[in-house]
Amino acid sequence: MRGYPFSTWCRGEATRWGGDTVMPYAADVAVEFAGVCVTPGDYAFADPSGAVIIPAGSLTGVLDAARQIEAEEARAGERILAEDLPPLGRP
């Protein structure tokens, strides 16, 4: 599925109902998956570790928080690199 130009997730088994023709039941409606409600306009972020749904109204806040965390981690990395640590195996 990774070779296709669209995202696909499946939980459990997928059946091939209807043969080679698939007829959508509904579009642009809220759905619930594993206890998470996804509404039209929400954002999905997924990588090999997992996936998260970001409500459309929360996207700006989530991105701002992510940028802040990224900056804090960069500063922490700089502090670690600046420390004068003894070589490994020596006190």
Protein backbone atom coordinates (compact mmCIF):
# COMPACT_ATOMS: atom_id res chain seq x y z
CA MET A 1 0.00 0.00 0.00
CA ARG A 2 2.97 2.33 0.55
CA GLY A 3 3.39 2.67 -3.20
CA TYR A 4 0.00 4.28 -3.71
CA PRO A 5 -0.42 8.09 -3.61
CA PHE A 6 -2.96 8.01 -0.74
CA SER A 7 -3.01 7.07 2.94
CA THR A 8 -4.62 3.86 4.08
CA TRP A 9 -5.11 2.43 7.56
CA CYS A 10 -6.79 -0.79 8.54
CA ARG A 11 -7.56 -2.35 11.87
CA GLY A 12 -8.29 -6.03 11.66
CA GLU A 13 -9.14 -7.69 8.41
CA ALA A 14 -10.36 -5.94 5.29
CA THR A 15 -12.86 -7.76 3.14
CA ARG A 16 -13.44 -7.35 -0.55
CA TRP A 17 -17.17 -6.83 -0.54
CA GLY A 18 -18.71 -6.06 -3.89
CA GLY A 19 -15.96 -7.52 -6.06
CA ASP A 20 -13.99 -4.98 -8.07
CA THR A 21 -16.53 -2.19 -7.56
CA VAL A 22 -16.76 -0.33 -4.26
CA MET A 23 -19.70 1.99 -3.64
CA PRO A 24 -19.22 4.60 -0.89
CA TYR A 25 -21.99 4.69 1.68
CA ALA A 26 -21.39 8.27 2.87
CA ALA A 27 -18.91 11.10 2.43
CA ASP A 28 -18.04 14.22 4.45
CA VAL A 29 -19.52 12.82 7.66
CA ALA A 30 -18.02 12.25 11.09
CA VAL A 31 -16.73 8.75 11.77
CA GLU A 32 -15.52 7.04 14.91
CA PHE A 33 -12.50 4.79 14.81
CA ALA A 34 -11.16 3.04 17.92
CA GLY A 35 -12.98 5.55 20.13
CA VAL A 36 -11.69 8.61 18.24
CA CYS A 37 -14.17 10.83 16.41
CA VAL A 38 -12.87 12.22 13.12
CA THR A 39 -14.87 14.99 11.51
CA PRO A 40 -14.47 16.54 8.06
CA GLY A 41 -11.68 19.13 8.18
CA ASP A 42 -9.67 17.36 10.89
CA TYR A 43 -6.01 16.62 10.21
CA ALA A 44 -4.37 13.22 10.47
CA PHE A 45 -0.67 12.84 11.15
CA ALA A 46 0.77 9.35 10.85
CA ASP A 47 4.17 7.73 10.66
CA PRO A 48 5.35 4.16 11.22
CA SER A 49 5.06 4.69 14.99
CA GLY A 50 1.38 5.58 15.01
CA ALA A 51 -1.23 8.15 14.10
CA VAL A 52 -3.00 11.09 15.69
CA ILE A 53 -6.07 13.09 14.69
CA ILE A 54 -5.84 16.85 15.19
CA PRO A 55 -9.18 18.68 15.29
CA ALA A 56 -9.23 21.46 12.70
CA GLY A 57 -9.81 24.12 15.37
CA SER A 58 -6.76 22.97 17.34
CA LEU A 59 -4.24 22.81 14.51
CA THR A 60 -2.64 26.22 15.11
CA GLY A 61 -2.20 25.54 18.83
CA VAL A 62 -0.77 22.09 18.19
CA LEU A 63 1.72 23.45 15.65
CA ASP A 64 2.73 26.28 18.01
CA ALA A 65 3.29 23.77 20.84
CA ALA A 66 5.30 21.50 18.51
CA ARG A 67 7.53 24.40 17.46
CA GLN A 68 8.08 25.34 21.11
CA ILE A 69 9.02 21.75 22.03
CA GLU A 70 11.35 21.55 19.03
CA ALA A 71 13.10 24.77 20.11
CA GLU A 72 13.42 23.56 23.73
CA GLU A 73 14.93 20.26 22.54
CA ALA A 74 17.39 22.12 20.32
CA ARG A 75 18.47 24.31 23.26
CA ALA A 76 18.86 21.24 25.48
CA GLY A 77 20.99 19.56 22.80
CA GLU A 78 23.20 22.64 22.56
CA ARG A 79 23.67 22.66 26.36
CA ILE A 80 24.60 18.97 26.34
CA LEU A 81 27.13 19.49 23.55
CA ALA A 82 28.64 22.47 25.38
CA GLU A 83 29.27 20.52 28.61
CA ASP A 84 32.83 19.48 29.32
CA LEU A 85 32.23 15.80 29.98
CA PRO A 86 34.97 13.30 30.80
CA PRO A 87 35.67 10.62 28.19
CA LEU A 88 33.59 7.47 28.54
CA GLY A 89 34.95 5.04 31.10
CA ARG A 90 36.82 7.75 33.04
CA PRO A 91 35.42 9.66 36.02
